[in-house]
Amino acid sequence: MLSVDVDDTIKKLEGMNARKILLQLPDGLKPHAFDYFNALSAKFSVIISSDPFYGACDVGNAEIYRDVDCIVQYGHSEIPNVKYPKPMIFQEARNEARVTMNPDIFDILVTSGFRKIGLLSSIQYMDRMAEARKILEGLGISVIVGRQDSRLAYPGQVLGCNFSSAHSISMDVDAYLIVSTGKFHAIGVQLSTEKEVFLLDLNYLSLQSIRDEKEKFLRKRYAKLSTALDAKKFCVVFDTKIGQYRKKLADVLMKQIKEIGKEGILLSTNEVKPSDYENLRCDAVIFTGCPRVPIDDAERFSMPILTPPEFQSLFGFKKTRNYVMDEIVAVDDLN
């Protein structure tokens, strides 16, 4: 169960003398919207955004937040190197479900002879990561937690667009263990390293290698990318969300499209809709915003949608034998 500290939010808002606030809730916390609204509106004027949002990189539309004193976002940690347009409060949601990790879960790490494990986690499970560390060290395994870059708030943390905590210790570990639920972050780490990655899935209290999942992902992804080779008209899209804004990269891609004799148009968006690109009659889309969009939503598009590294690898601008994940290290200043 995810939990946030509403009392702490109130203290922070009172400390900044805020009166009007915009509250953003991820889907997992929306069932508690009435509770949060009632608690906060006893002291503040509150608007809850009904729009979808994708994390600390997305703080809403300017038409909404310009009239509030503070934006409160539940469920995520701050992205330190983003310049937010308003005072922000990020109230992290941590998973408080009681789980008992049997040391036997980690037998595969011991029997495989791994002596140095890089430990990672998505934000909701940082507390569970600490528990896993104690068990691993009790089994005689050396645990190393990676250093984050300026886009991450904590050592060992991973985002869907940033795996710097894994990169920072790639030469120091035999394998990685990521504490999370679902496979997305684990596959992202596996694509970013040659070392084997194991997922401790807290939904099932199971440990599994992600190597086979990586191969499945690559086969499916390369099949999709191959259809872009014959594309003649490209839509290059930059996202206006403050934490995803990479207009300079989009400009580079436009130049590269011209270099290979293709046509390109430059588009801005705040919400990706496949029908928009169908109406524009483009053959392929290159999306510079959240890297999850081309990967998670590929089936929604009637044409191939590529990340920047995918386009650059496919057409020879990046010389690499391995698949390159699109990671966001920093974004352009919107001002």
Protein backbone atom coordinates (compact mmCIF):
# COMPACT_ATOMS: atom_id res chain seq x y z
CA MET A 1 0.00 0.00 0.00
CA LEU A 2 1.34 3.41 -1.01
CA SER A 3 1.26 6.10 1.67
CA VAL A 4 2.05 9.82 1.82
CA ASP A 5 2.44 12.12 4.82
CA VAL A 6 -0.31 14.75 4.41
CA ASP A 7 0.54 16.38 7.75
CA ASP A 8 4.05 17.02 6.47
CA THR A 9 2.59 18.62 3.34
CA ILE A 10 0.51 20.99 5.49
CA LYS A 11 3.56 22.01 7.54
CA LYS A 12 5.55 22.76 4.39
CA LEU A 13 2.72 24.78 2.85
CA GLU A 14 2.29 26.80 6.03
CA GLY A 15 6.04 27.44 6.08
CA MET A 16 5.89 29.03 2.62
CA ASN A 17 2.65 30.93 3.37
CA ALA A 18 0.89 29.28 0.43
CA ARG A 19 -2.83 29.83 0.01
CA LYS A 20 -3.74 28.36 -3.37
CA ILE A 21 -2.34 24.98 -4.36
CA LEU A 22 -2.54 22.60 -7.30
CA LEU A 23 -2.45 18.95 -6.23
CA GLN A 24 -1.28 16.25 -8.63
CA LEU A 25 -2.03 12.60 -7.87
CA PRO A 26 -0.75 9.52 -9.72
CA ASP A 27 -3.36 6.91 -10.58
CA GLY A 28 -2.39 4.75 -7.61
CA LEU A 29 -3.30 7.54 -5.17
CA LYS A 30 -6.41 8.90 -6.89
CA PRO A 31 -8.74 6.61 -4.88
CA HIS A 32 -7.72 8.73 -1.85
CA ALA A 33 -8.42 12.06 -3.59
CA PHE A 34 -11.37 12.99 -1.34
CA ASP A 35 -9.29 12.33 1.80
CA TYR A 36 -6.41 14.48 0.56
CA PHE A 37 -8.71 17.25 -0.64
CA ASN A 38 -10.64 17.40 2.63
CA ALA A 39 -7.46 17.47 4.73
CA LEU A 40 -5.75 20.16 2.66
CA SER A 41 -8.79 22.33 1.91
CA ALA A 42 -9.36 22.86 5.64
CA LYS A 43 -6.47 25.36 5.43
CA PHE A 44 -5.85 26.03 1.73
CA SER A 45 -7.66 26.62 -1.53
CA VAL A 46 -7.11 23.37 -3.42
CA ILE A 47 -7.50 22.30 -7.03
CA ILE A 48 -6.82 18.66 -7.93
CA SER A 49 -5.58 18.17 -11.47
CA SER A 50 -7.51 15.50 -13.35
CA ASP A 51 -4.97 15.42 -16.16
CA PRO A 52 -2.61 12.46 -16.44
CA PHE A 53 0.97 13.21 -15.49
CA TYR A 54 4.14 11.23 -15.71
CA GLY A 55 6.26 12.12 -12.72
CA ALA A 56 8.36 15.01 -11.47
CA CYS A 57 9.16 15.86 -15.10
CA ASP A 58 5.53 16.91 -15.65
CA VAL A 59 3.99 19.60 -13.41
CA GLY A 60 1.01 20.52 -15.53
CA ASN A 61 -0.17 23.15 -17.94
CA ALA A 62 0.81 26.78 -17.37
CA GLU A 63 -2.83 27.88 -17.68
CA ILE A 64 -3.55 25.92 -14.50
CA TYR A 65 -0.47 26.48 -12.38
CA ARG A 66 0.05 30.17 -13.06
CA ASP A 67 -2.82 31.04 -10.68
CA VAL A 68 -1.59 28.99 -7.71
CA ASP A 69 1.09 29.64 -5.09
CA CYS A 70 2.45 26.11 -4.98
CA ILE A 71 2.24 22.79 -6.83
CA VAL A 72 2.02 19.70 -4.64
CA GLN A 73 2.82 16.41 -6.30
CA TYR A 74 2.27 13.16 -4.46
CA GLY A 75 4.09 9.95 -5.27
CA HIS A 76 7.39 11.09 -6.82
CA SER A 77 10.73 12.52 -5.83
CA GLU A 78 12.04 15.83 -7.12
CA ILE A 79 14.26 15.97 -10.19
CA PRO A 80 17.01 18.19 -8.77
CA ASN A 81 18.27 19.69 -12.03
CA VAL A 82 14.85 20.86 -13.31
CA LYS A 83 13.96 24.55 -12.88
CA TYR A 84 10.35 24.43 -11.81
CA PRO A 85 8.02 27.35 -12.66
CA LYS A 86 6.43 27.49 -9.20
CA PRO A 87 7.38 26.50 -5.66
CA MET A 88 7.04 22.72 -5.51
CA ILE A 89 6.39 20.16 -2.80
CA PHE A 90 7.15 16.56 -3.73
CA GLN A 91 5.64 14.26 -1.14
CA GLU A 92 7.04 10.83 -1.90
CA ALA A 93 4.85 7.75 -1.68
CA ARG A 94 6.57 4.79 -0.13
CA ASN A 95 5.24 1.26 -0.16
CA GLU A 96 4.34 0.40 3.42
CA ALA A 97 3.05 -3.10 2.78
CA ARG A 98 4.68 -5.51 5.19
CA VAL A 99 6.71 -8.11 3.33
CA THR A 100 8.90 -10.84 4.67
CA MET A 101 11.93 -11.52 2.52
CA ASN A 102 13.16 -15.04 3.02
CA PRO A 103 16.93 -15.20 2.50
CA ASP A 104 16.33 -18.26 0.31
CA ILE A 105 14.98 -15.89 -2.37
CA PHE A 106 18.57 -14.83 -3.03
CA ASP A 107 20.00 -18.36 -3.41
CA ILE A 108 20.54 -17.90 -7.14
CA LEU A 109 22.93 -15.03 -6.46
CA VAL A 110 24.96 -17.11 -4.02
CA THR A 111 25.07 -20.27 -6.16
CA SER A 112 25.99 -18.26 -9.25
CA GLY A 113 29.08 -17.00 -7.45
CA PHE A 114 28.23 -13.32 -7.53
CA ARG A 115 30.20 -11.57 -4.79
CA LYS A 116 29.50 -7.91 -5.57
CA ILE A 117 25.93 -6.82 -6.27
CA GLY A 118 24.82 -3.38 -7.42
CA LEU A 119 21.58 -2.52 -5.63
CA LEU A 120 18.92 -0.34 -7.28
CA SER A 121 15.29 0.62 -6.72
CA SER A 122 12.43 2.72 -8.03
CA ILE A 123 11.37 5.46 -5.61
CA GLN A 124 8.44 3.65 -3.98
CA TYR A 125 10.63 0.81 -2.77
CA MET A 126 13.71 2.55 -1.39
CA ASP A 127 12.85 1.31 2.13
CA ARG A 128 12.55 -2.26 0.84
CA MET A 129 15.92 -1.83 -0.87
CA ALA A 130 17.48 -1.19 2.54
CA GLU A 131 15.93 -4.42 3.84
CA ALA A 132 17.28 -6.37 0.88
CA ARG A 133 20.73 -4.93 1.51
CA LYS A 134 20.79 -6.29 5.08
CA ILE A 135 19.86 -9.77 3.91
CA LEU A 136 22.42 -9.80 1.11
CA GLU A 137 25.20 -8.67 3.40
CA GLY A 138 24.15 -11.36 5.87
CA LEU A 139 24.70 -13.89 3.08
CA GLY A 140 28.25 -12.64 2.61
CA ILE A 141 27.55 -10.64 -0.54
CA SER A 142 29.13 -7.21 -0.90
CA VAL A 143 26.47 -4.63 -1.78
CA ILE A 144 27.26 -1.46 -3.72
CA VAL A 145 24.70 1.32 -4.18
CA GLY A 146 25.39 3.54 -7.17
CA ARG A 147 25.87 7.30 -7.22
CA GLN A 148 23.04 9.24 -8.81
CA ASP A 149 23.47 12.09 -11.28
CA SER A 150 21.80 15.48 -10.96
CA ARG A 151 18.47 14.20 -12.32
CA LEU A 152 17.97 11.73 -9.47
CA ALA A 153 17.24 12.44 -5.81
CA TYR A 154 18.78 9.34 -4.18
CA PRO A 155 21.69 6.94 -4.53
CA GLY A 156 20.54 3.70 -6.13
CA GLN A 157 17.38 5.27 -7.54
CA VAL A 158 16.31 4.61 -11.12
CA LEU A 159 13.78 6.36 -13.34
CA GLY A 160 12.34 5.08 -16.57
CA CYS A 161 14.54 7.65 -18.34
CA ASN A 162 17.68 7.55 -16.19
CA PHE A 163 19.91 4.70 -15.03
CA SER A 164 22.93 6.72 -13.89
CA SER A 165 23.01 4.91 -10.54
CA ALA A 166 23.70 1.70 -12.44
CA HIS A 167 26.26 3.24 -14.80
CA SER A 168 28.28 4.70 -11.91
CA ILE A 169 29.19 1.26 -10.54
CA SER A 170 29.28 -0.81 -13.72
CA MET A 171 32.99 -1.59 -13.28
CA ASP A 172 32.62 -2.50 -9.61
CA VAL A 173 29.89 -5.16 -9.58
CA ASP A 174 29.30 -8.68 -10.85
CA ALA A 175 25.55 -8.22 -11.32
CA TYR A 176 22.66 -5.94 -10.39
CA LEU A 177 19.60 -6.42 -8.21
CA ILE A 178 16.69 -4.03 -8.64
CA VAL A 179 13.88 -3.86 -6.08
CA SER A 180 10.62 -2.96 -7.79
CA THR A 181 7.39 -4.31 -9.23
CA GLY A 182 6.93 -5.02 -12.91
CA LYS A 183 9.77 -5.43 -15.39
CA PHE A 184 10.12 -2.03 -17.03
CA HIS A 185 12.88 -0.56 -14.86
CA ALA A 186 14.71 -3.89 -14.72
CA ILE A 187 14.71 -4.23 -18.51
CA GLY A 188 15.96 -0.65 -18.77
CA VAL A 189 18.90 -1.44 -16.51
CA GLN A 190 19.64 -4.67 -18.42
CA LEU A 191 19.68 -2.80 -21.72
CA SER A 192 22.13 -0.33 -20.20
CA THR A 193 24.71 -2.88 -19.05
CA GLU A 194 26.38 -6.14 -20.06
CA LYS A 195 26.14 -7.38 -16.47
CA GLU A 196 23.24 -9.65 -15.53
CA VAL A 197 20.28 -7.94 -13.87
CA PHE A 198 17.94 -9.60 -11.37
CA LEU A 199 14.51 -8.29 -10.43
CA LEU A 200 13.24 -8.66 -6.88
CA ASP A 201 9.54 -8.36 -7.63
CA LEU A 202 7.75 -7.39 -4.43
CA ASN A 203 4.35 -8.35 -5.86
CA TYR A 204 5.40 -11.99 -5.93
CA LEU A 205 8.41 -11.99 -3.59
CA SER A 206 10.39 -13.66 -6.34
CA LEU A 207 13.79 -13.14 -7.90
CA GLN A 208 14.32 -13.56 -11.63
CA SER A 209 17.00 -12.85 -14.20
CA ILE A 210 16.04 -10.31 -16.86
CA ARG A 211 18.40 -11.55 -19.59
CA ASP A 212 15.67 -13.42 -21.49
CA GLU A 213 13.31 -10.45 -21.16
CA LYS A 214 15.97 -8.27 -22.74
CA GLU A 215 16.21 -10.58 -25.75
CA LYS A 216 12.42 -10.62 -26.16
CA PHE A 217 12.37 -6.83 -25.99
CA LEU A 218 15.14 -6.45 -28.57
CA ARG A 219 13.57 -8.84 -31.08
CA LYS A 220 10.28 -6.98 -30.88
CA ARG A 221 11.90 -3.55 -30.96
CA TYR A 222 14.22 -4.26 -33.90
CA ALA A 223 11.28 -5.61 -35.91
CA LYS A 224 9.47 -2.33 -35.30
CA LEU A 225 12.52 -0.19 -36.10
CA SER A 226 13.21 -1.96 -39.38
CA THR A 227 9.96 -0.57 -40.77
CA ALA A 228 11.38 2.94 -40.43
CA LEU A 229 14.21 2.34 -42.91
CA ASP A 230 12.01 3.19 -45.88
CA ALA A 231 10.42 6.24 -44.25
CA LYS A 232 10.66 9.44 -46.28
CA LYS A 233 8.76 11.90 -44.08
CA PHE A 234 9.63 12.25 -40.39
CA CYS A 235 7.86 14.12 -37.62
CA VAL A 236 10.38 15.24 -35.00
CA VAL A 237 8.48 15.90 -31.79
CA PHE A 238 9.66 17.74 -28.68
CA ASP A 239 7.59 17.68 -25.50
CA THR A 240 6.85 20.96 -23.72
CA LYS A 241 6.70 19.27 -20.29
CA ILE A 242 9.31 21.04 -18.18
CA GLY A 243 11.26 17.89 -17.32
CA GLN A 244 11.17 16.42 -20.83
CA TYR A 245 11.91 19.51 -22.93
CA ARG A 246 14.75 18.73 -25.37
CA LYS A 247 14.24 21.18 -28.20
CA LYS A 248 17.99 21.40 -28.93
CA LEU A 249 18.10 17.65 -29.51
CA ALA A 250 15.09 17.93 -31.83
CA ASP A 251 16.97 20.59 -33.83
CA VAL A 252 19.95 18.21 -34.19
CA LEU A 253 17.65 15.45 -35.42
CA MET A 254 16.13 17.78 -38.02
CA LYS A 255 19.60 18.47 -39.44
CA GLN A 256 20.40 14.75 -39.52
CA ILE A 257 17.17 13.99 -41.37
CA LYS A 258 18.16 16.51 -44.02
CA GLU A 259 21.65 14.96 -44.26
CA ILE A 260 20.20 11.60 -45.30
CA GLY A 261 17.94 13.16 -47.91
CA LYS A 262 14.68 12.75 -46.00
CA GLU A 263 11.95 15.28 -45.19
CA GLY A 264 11.27 16.39 -41.63
CA ILE A 265 8.89 18.69 -39.79
CA LEU A 266 9.36 19.95 -36.23
CA LEU A 267 6.42 19.61 -33.83
CA SER A 268 5.70 20.54 -30.24
CA THR A 269 3.32 18.62 -27.99
CA ASN A 270 2.15 18.34 -24.41
CA GLU A 271 0.24 15.10 -24.92
CA VAL A 272 1.10 12.47 -27.53
CA LYS A 273 -1.83 11.46 -29.76
CA PRO A 274 -1.19 8.99 -32.60
CA SER A 275 -4.03 10.50 -34.68
CA ASP A 276 -2.13 13.80 -34.86
CA TYR A 277 0.71 12.18 -36.80
CA GLU A 278 -1.63 10.17 -38.99
CA ASN A 279 -3.30 13.43 -40.05
CA LEU A 280 0.13 14.87 -40.88
CA ARG A 281 0.80 11.93 -43.22
CA CYS A 282 4.23 11.22 -41.77
CA ASP A 283 5.96 7.87 -42.27
CA ALA A 284 7.76 7.81 -38.90
CA VAL A 285 7.94 9.79 -35.66
CA ILE A 286 11.03 10.62 -33.60
CA PHE A 287 10.02 11.54 -30.07
CA THR A 288 12.44 13.44 -27.82
CA GLY A 289 10.21 13.47 -24.71
CA CYS A 290 9.71 10.58 -22.29
CA PRO A 291 11.53 7.49 -23.64
CA ARG A 292 8.69 5.31 -22.41
CA VAL A 293 6.30 6.68 -25.04
CA PRO A 294 7.97 5.07 -28.09
CA ILE A 295 8.46 1.82 -26.18
CA ASP A 296 5.30 1.43 -24.11
CA ASP A 297 2.90 2.96 -26.64
CA ALA A 298 4.38 1.68 -29.90
CA GLU A 299 1.32 -0.44 -30.69
CA ARG A 300 -0.92 2.64 -30.58
CA PHE A 301 0.83 4.11 -33.62
CA SER A 302 0.18 3.14 -37.22
CA MET A 303 3.72 4.24 -38.09
CA PRO A 304 7.04 3.50 -36.30
CA ILE A 305 7.84 5.85 -33.40
CA LEU A 306 11.54 6.03 -32.50
CA THR A 307 13.67 7.37 -29.69
CA PRO A 308 16.53 9.68 -30.76
CA PRO A 309 19.26 7.02 -30.23
CA GLU A 310 17.20 4.51 -32.22
CA PHE A 311 16.99 6.88 -35.18
CA GLN A 312 20.67 7.80 -34.93
CA SER A 313 21.75 4.15 -34.74
CA LEU A 314 19.43 3.06 -37.55
CA PHE A 315 20.76 5.68 -39.96
CA GLY A 316 24.43 5.54 -38.98
CA PHE A 317 24.83 8.64 -36.81
CA LYS A 318 25.74 6.47 -33.81
CA LYS A 319 28.24 3.68 -34.33
CA THR A 320 27.36 0.93 -31.88
CA ARG A 321 26.75 -2.79 -31.99
CA ASN A 322 24.43 -2.70 -28.99
CA TYR A 323 21.00 -1.21 -28.49
CA VAL A 324 21.22 2.21 -26.81
CA MET A 325 18.52 3.25 -24.35
CA ASP A 326 17.36 6.85 -24.53
CA GLU A 327 18.22 8.39 -21.17
CA ILE A 328 17.50 11.96 -20.11
CA VAL A 329 20.42 13.46 -18.19
CA ALA A 330 19.36 17.09 -18.44
CA VAL A 331 16.78 19.19 -20.28
CA ASP A 332 16.72 22.61 -21.93
CA ASP A 333 15.59 25.64 -19.98
CA LEU A 334 12.05 26.59 -20.99
CA ASN A 335 12.64 30.25 -20.18
